[in-house]
């Protein structure tokens, strides 16, 4: 079995105590190996979903009969939009544990597979009543998304209207719920209300889980320019050019008559008083703006 490299600072003790308890059914060395791979899944799933998926497959080959491993494999597949695989793993984990906490993400997998009707059926199933408050809010978000998948925009708005939305209490899911509601309002052209709810989402978004602030700025007509890497950034350079007025350019010489074209002198001007040549002016400094890329 091909193993993936794991940093030395990953011991496996970082995993949740409930997961650690599940792994106690395995031999000690195997349990430690599985735990370290699960830690890597958790570390990478947001920043490097593909990498997390690789570690989840290793853990799955080592301990496919552990529910926590099947669940981790499901989330890694879900993060990589492998919805069919994710749904299979979530179903397996649910059969092993009997709990319903994965019900909302399973419904969202149905959406990912292009079956929003199935997701709505799951939203109305008895399992939803067994979910805690956070799980019920997640299920509401999935159901609203399914309505939008079916182009039922007004129904999506109604689905999100709930006591949790109206509550002034800030919960971990508050920002996402307000954001979804604002986005649904904007989809039907209710821009003023959408702006109000994006602002409320910003107030609740303490960990930056949404881009509500960007959406709000966009509605207010504010444009942000992403900072580019130093090598790629466009810089405005002022180039100072010294122009010598006694020097003619090639282009200027093309317009002046050549010696061959000059008419012959009719009379000598040697006896005429010579004009005093004016003192040459100092070269002028002409700043020229030139936008260049480093």
Protein backbone atom coordinates (compact mmCIF):
# COMPACT_ATOMS: atom_id res chain seq x y z
CA UNK A 1 0.00 0.00 0.00
CA UNK A 2 1.41 3.38 -1.02
CA UNK A 3 1.71 5.75 1.91
CA UNK A 4 1.90 9.54 1.72
CA UNK A 5 4.50 11.56 3.63
CA UNK A 6 3.34 12.94 6.97
CA UNK A 7 5.24 15.69 8.84
CA UNK A 8 6.94 14.59 12.04
CA UNK A 9 4.93 17.08 14.09
CA UNK A 10 1.73 15.18 13.27
CA UNK A 11 1.31 12.62 16.05
CA UNK A 12 -2.35 11.67 15.66
CA UNK A 13 -3.21 12.99 19.10
CA UNK A 14 -4.68 16.07 17.42
CA UNK A 15 -7.88 14.27 16.42
CA UNK A 16 -11.17 14.62 18.26
CA UNK A 17 -11.51 12.45 21.34
CA UNK A 18 -14.61 10.74 19.93
CA UNK A 19 -12.68 9.73 16.82
CA UNK A 20 -9.78 8.54 18.96
CA UNK A 21 -12.20 6.38 20.88
CA UNK A 22 -13.48 4.84 17.64
CA UNK A 23 -9.93 3.99 16.62
CA UNK A 24 -9.37 2.05 19.84
CA UNK A 25 -10.93 -0.94 18.10
CA UNK A 26 -7.79 -1.13 15.95
CA UNK A 27 -4.33 -2.37 16.90
CA UNK A 28 -2.33 0.45 18.49
CA UNK A 29 0.17 0.95 15.66
CA UNK A 30 -2.57 0.85 13.04
CA UNK A 31 -4.73 3.25 15.03
CA UNK A 32 -1.86 5.74 15.23
CA UNK A 33 -1.26 5.47 11.48
CA UNK A 34 -4.92 6.04 10.69
CA UNK A 35 -5.12 8.94 13.13
CA UNK A 36 -2.16 10.71 11.53
CA UNK A 37 -3.74 10.39 8.07
CA UNK A 38 -7.02 11.77 9.42
CA UNK A 39 -5.16 14.74 10.88
CA UNK A 40 -3.70 15.44 7.44
CA UNK A 41 -7.18 15.32 5.92
CA UNK A 42 -8.37 17.92 8.42
CA UNK A 43 -5.32 20.12 7.82
CA UNK A 44 -5.55 20.16 4.06
CA UNK A 45 -9.24 19.97 3.23
CA UNK A 46 -9.73 23.76 2.96
CA UNK A 47 -6.45 24.79 1.32
CA UNK A 48 -5.58 21.63 -0.63
CA UNK A 49 -8.69 19.47 -1.14
CA UNK A 50 -6.93 17.18 -3.58
CA UNK A 51 -4.16 16.52 -1.07
CA UNK A 52 -6.73 15.84 1.66
CA UNK A 53 -8.47 13.40 -0.65
CA UNK A 54 -5.22 11.44 -1.07
CA UNK A 55 -4.77 11.04 2.69
CA UNK A 56 -8.41 10.07 3.11
CA UNK A 57 -7.95 7.23 0.62
CA UNK A 58 -4.97 5.93 2.62
CA UNK A 59 -6.99 6.02 5.84
CA UNK A 60 -9.87 4.30 4.07
CA UNK A 61 -7.66 1.44 2.91
CA UNK A 62 -6.33 1.04 6.43
CA UNK A 63 -9.64 1.15 8.34
CA UNK A 64 -12.71 1.13 6.14
CA UNK A 65 -14.86 -0.28 8.96
CA UNK A 66 -14.43 2.79 11.16
CA UNK A 67 -17.27 5.29 10.76
CA UNK A 68 -15.05 8.32 11.35
CA UNK A 69 -12.80 7.20 8.50
CA UNK A 70 -15.76 6.80 6.14
CA UNK A 71 -17.02 10.23 7.17
CA UNK A 72 -13.62 11.84 6.59
CA UNK A 73 -13.41 10.16 3.19
CA UNK A 74 -16.85 11.51 2.39
CA UNK A 75 -15.94 15.10 3.23
CA UNK A 76 -12.70 14.87 1.26
CA UNK A 77 -14.60 13.59 -1.79
CA UNK A 78 -17.24 16.29 -1.28
CA UNK A 79 -14.56 19.00 -1.21
CA UNK A 80 -13.35 17.71 -4.58
CA UNK A 81 -16.89 17.70 -6.02
CA UNK A 82 -16.90 13.90 -6.22
CA UNK A 83 -20.50 13.86 -5.09
CA UNK A 84 -21.38 10.28 -5.93
CA UNK A 85 -18.39 8.98 -3.99
CA UNK A 86 -19.06 11.37 -1.12
CA UNK A 87 -22.68 10.28 -0.89
CA UNK A 88 -21.67 6.62 -0.75
CA UNK A 89 -19.22 7.28 2.09
CA UNK A 90 -21.74 9.37 4.05
CA UNK A 91 -24.34 6.64 3.70
CA UNK A 92 -21.85 4.06 4.95
CA UNK A 93 -20.97 6.21 7.96
CA UNK A 94 -24.64 6.73 8.74
CA UNK A 95 -25.32 2.99 8.61
CA UNK A 96 -22.50 2.42 11.08
CA UNK A 97 -23.54 5.09 13.57
CA UNK A 98 -27.28 5.39 13.05
CA UNK A 99 -27.18 9.18 13.58
CA UNK A 100 -28.57 11.77 11.17
CA UNK A 101 -26.03 14.59 11.45
CA UNK A 102 -24.82 13.95 7.90
CA UNK A 103 -28.32 14.31 6.46
CA UNK A 104 -27.90 17.90 5.16
CA UNK A 105 -24.60 17.26 3.40
CA UNK A 106 -26.04 14.07 1.90
CA UNK A 107 -28.90 16.15 0.52
CA UNK A 108 -26.41 18.63 -0.88
CA UNK A 109 -24.64 15.77 -2.65
CA UNK A 110 -27.96 15.05 -4.35
CA UNK A 111 -27.94 18.64 -5.56
CA UNK A 112 -24.41 18.21 -6.81
CA UNK A 113 -25.54 15.17 -8.77
CA UNK A 114 -28.25 17.23 -10.45
CA UNK A 115 -31.13 15.88 -8.36
CA UNK A 116 -32.56 18.90 -6.51
CA UNK A 117 -35.96 17.18 -6.23
CA UNK A 118 -34.33 14.44 -4.17
CA UNK A 119 -32.71 17.06 -1.94
CA UNK A 120 -36.14 18.63 -1.32
CA UNK A 121 -37.58 15.25 -0.46
CA UNK A 122 -34.83 14.82 2.12
CA UNK A 123 -35.59 18.29 3.50
CA UNK A 124 -39.09 17.11 4.33
CA UNK A 125 -38.06 13.76 5.79
CA UNK A 126 -38.49 12.84 9.50
CA UNK A 127 -34.71 12.74 9.90
CA UNK A 128 -34.62 16.54 9.82
CA UNK A 129 -36.53 16.71 13.11
CA UNK A 130 -33.72 14.76 14.75
CA UNK A 131 -31.11 17.33 13.77
CA UNK A 132 -29.85 19.93 16.20
CA UNK A 133 -30.41 23.62 15.47
CA UNK A 134 -27.25 23.94 13.38
CA UNK A 135 -28.21 20.88 11.35
CA UNK A 136 -31.70 22.23 10.71
CA UNK A 137 -30.28 25.52 9.48
CA UNK A 138 -27.94 23.61 7.17
CA UNK A 139 -30.89 21.66 5.85
CA UNK A 140 -32.77 24.90 5.22
CA UNK A 141 -29.81 26.27 3.27
CA UNK A 142 -29.65 23.12 1.15
CA UNK A 143 -33.39 23.24 0.49
CA UNK A 144 -33.19 26.88 -0.59
CA UNK A 145 -30.33 25.99 -2.89
CA UNK A 146 -32.40 23.20 -4.40
CA UNK A 147 -35.25 25.65 -5.04
CA UNK A 148 -32.85 27.94 -6.87
CA UNK A 149 -31.54 24.97 -8.86
CA UNK A 150 -35.10 24.49 -10.04
CA UNK A 151 -35.44 28.22 -10.82
CA UNK A 152 -37.96 28.66 -8.00
CA UNK A 153 -36.42 31.89 -6.77
CA UNK A 154 -39.33 33.21 -4.73
CA UNK A 155 -39.72 29.83 -3.06
CA UNK A 156 -36.03 29.94 -2.12
CA UNK A 157 -36.61 33.26 -0.33
CA UNK A 158 -39.58 31.87 1.58
CA UNK A 159 -37.58 28.76 2.53
CA UNK A 160 -34.90 30.90 4.19
CA UNK A 161 -37.37 33.02 6.17
CA UNK A 162 -37.27 31.59 9.66
CA UNK A 163 -36.91 32.49 13.34
CA UNK A 164 -33.17 31.82 13.01
CA UNK A 165 -32.94 34.44 10.27
CA UNK A 166 -34.85 37.02 12.30
CA UNK A 167 -32.90 36.36 15.50
CA UNK A 168 -30.40 38.98 16.68
CA UNK A 169 -28.34 36.26 18.32
CA UNK A 170 -25.09 35.49 16.50
CA UNK A 171 -24.47 31.79 15.98
CA UNK A 172 -21.82 29.99 13.88
CA UNK A 173 -24.32 29.64 11.06
CA UNK A 174 -25.85 33.15 11.24
CA UNK A 175 -23.57 34.77 8.65
CA UNK A 176 -24.16 32.03 6.08
CA UNK A 177 -27.92 32.12 6.57
CA UNK A 178 -28.08 35.91 6.18
CA UNK A 179 -25.76 35.75 3.19
CA UNK A 180 -27.92 33.13 1.46
CA UNK A 181 -31.02 35.24 2.08
CA UNK A 182 -29.34 38.39 0.70
CA UNK A 183 -28.17 36.49 -2.37
CA UNK A 184 -31.67 35.11 -2.96
CA UNK A 185 -33.16 38.61 -2.71
CA UNK A 186 -30.62 39.94 -5.17
CA UNK A 187 -31.48 37.15 -7.61
CA UNK A 188 -35.04 38.48 -7.89
CA UNK A 189 -33.96 42.10 -8.18
CA UNK A 190 -34.72 43.25 -4.63
CA UNK A 191 -31.42 45.09 -4.43
CA UNK A 192 -32.23 47.39 -1.50
CA UNK A 193 -33.24 44.51 0.76
CA UNK A 194 -30.29 42.46 -0.47
CA UNK A 195 -27.91 45.23 0.55
CA UNK A 196 -29.45 45.35 4.01
CA UNK A 197 -28.99 41.61 4.52
CA UNK A 198 -25.47 41.55 3.14
CA UNK A 199 -24.66 44.22 5.74
CA UNK A 200 -26.20 42.04 8.45
CA UNK A 201 -24.15 39.10 7.19
CA UNK A 202 -21.00 41.19 7.51
CA UNK A 203 -21.89 41.95 11.13
CA UNK A 204 -22.19 38.25 11.91
CA UNK A 205 -19.25 37.03 9.82
CA UNK A 206 -16.55 37.08 12.46
CA UNK A 207 -14.33 34.45 10.87
CA UNK A 208 -14.62 35.47 7.22
CA UNK A 209 -16.65 32.46 6.17
CA UNK A 210 -18.42 34.46 3.44
CA UNK A 211 -17.53 37.21 0.99
CA UNK A 212 -20.40 39.35 2.24
CA UNK A 213 -18.20 42.44 2.59
CA UNK A 214 -17.16 42.20 -1.06
CA UNK A 215 -20.76 41.75 -2.19
CA UNK A 216 -21.82 44.74 -0.13
CA UNK A 217 -19.05 46.88 -1.59
CA UNK A 218 -20.06 45.78 -5.07
CA UNK A 219 -23.62 46.94 -4.48
CA UNK A 220 -22.25 50.26 -3.23
CA UNK A 221 -20.23 50.66 -6.42
CA UNK A 222 -16.84 50.16 -4.77
CA UNK A 223 -14.27 48.32 -6.84
CA UNK A 224 -11.36 46.50 -5.28
CA UNK A 225 -8.10 45.82 -7.07
CA UNK A 226 -6.38 42.70 -5.85
CA UNK A 227 -2.81 43.21 -4.78
CA UNK A 228 -0.56 41.43 -7.26
CA UNK A 229 2.78 39.83 -6.67
CA UNK A 230 5.70 42.22 -6.77
CA UNK A 231 6.93 40.73 -10.04
CA UNK A 232 3.52 41.07 -11.67
CA UNK A 233 2.41 44.40 -10.25
CA UNK A 234 1.89 47.27 -12.61
CA UNK A 235 3.91 50.27 -11.56
CA UNK A 236 3.72 53.76 -12.90
CA UNK A 237 7.22 55.01 -13.64
CA UNK A 238 8.17 58.60 -14.34
CA UNK A 239 10.97 58.62 -16.91
CA UNK A 240 13.04 61.79 -17.06
CA UNK A 241 14.29 62.58 -20.55
CA UNK A 242 16.90 65.24 -21.31
CA UNK A 243 16.01 66.96 -24.56
CA UNK A 244 18.80 68.84 -26.31
CA UNK A 245 17.21 71.46 -28.52
CA UNK A 246 20.25 71.50 -30.83
CA UNK A 247 19.70 67.83 -31.63
CA UNK A 248 17.17 66.98 -34.28
CA UNK A 249 15.45 63.66 -34.48
CA UNK A 250 15.26 61.51 -37.56
CA UNK A 251 11.61 62.31 -37.93
CA UNK A 252 12.25 66.02 -37.77
CA UNK A 253 15.04 65.81 -40.36
CA UNK A 254 12.68 64.18 -42.82
CA UNK A 255 10.63 67.36 -42.90
CA UNK A 256 13.58 69.71 -43.41
CA UNK A 257 14.94 70.47 -46.88
CA UNK A 258 18.23 68.78 -47.79
CA UNK A 259 21.29 70.59 -49.18
CA UNK A 260 20.35 69.44 -52.66
CA UNK A 261 16.97 71.10 -52.40
CA UNK A 262 18.35 74.41 -51.09
CA UNK A 263 18.27 77.27 -53.66
CA UNK A 264 21.60 78.77 -54.78
CA UNK A 265 22.58 82.00 -53.08
CA UNK A 266 22.09 85.02 -55.35
CA UNK A 267 24.48 87.29 -53.60
CA UNK A 268 27.08 86.91 -50.94
CA UNK A 269 26.15 87.93 -47.45
CA UNK A 270 29.69 88.06 -46.21
CA UNK A 271 29.54 91.84 -45.93
CA UNK A 272 26.29 91.85 -44.07
CA UNK A 273 26.47 92.16 -40.34
CA UNK A 274 26.33 88.74 -38.79
CA UNK A 275 23.53 88.03 -36.44
CA UNK A 276 24.63 87.25 -32.95
CA UNK A 277 23.89 83.62 -32.28
CA UNK A 278 21.61 83.42 -29.31
CA UNK A 279 22.91 81.70 -26.22
CA UNK A 280 21.86 78.10 -26.16
CA UNK A 281 19.19 77.46 -23.66
CA UNK A 282 19.64 74.93 -20.95
CA UNK A 283 18.30 71.49 -21.90
CA UNK A 284 14.75 71.08 -20.78
CA UNK A 285 13.77 68.30 -18.43
CA UNK A 286 10.59 66.70 -19.72
CA UNK A 287 8.93 64.19 -17.44
CA UNK A 288 7.19 61.48 -19.41
CA UNK A 289 4.82 59.08 -17.72
CA UNK A 290 5.21 55.56 -18.91
CA UNK A 291 3.30 52.60 -17.47
CA UNK A 292 5.45 49.52 -17.53
CA UNK A 293 5.30 46.07 -16.02
CA UNK A 294 8.25 44.96 -13.94
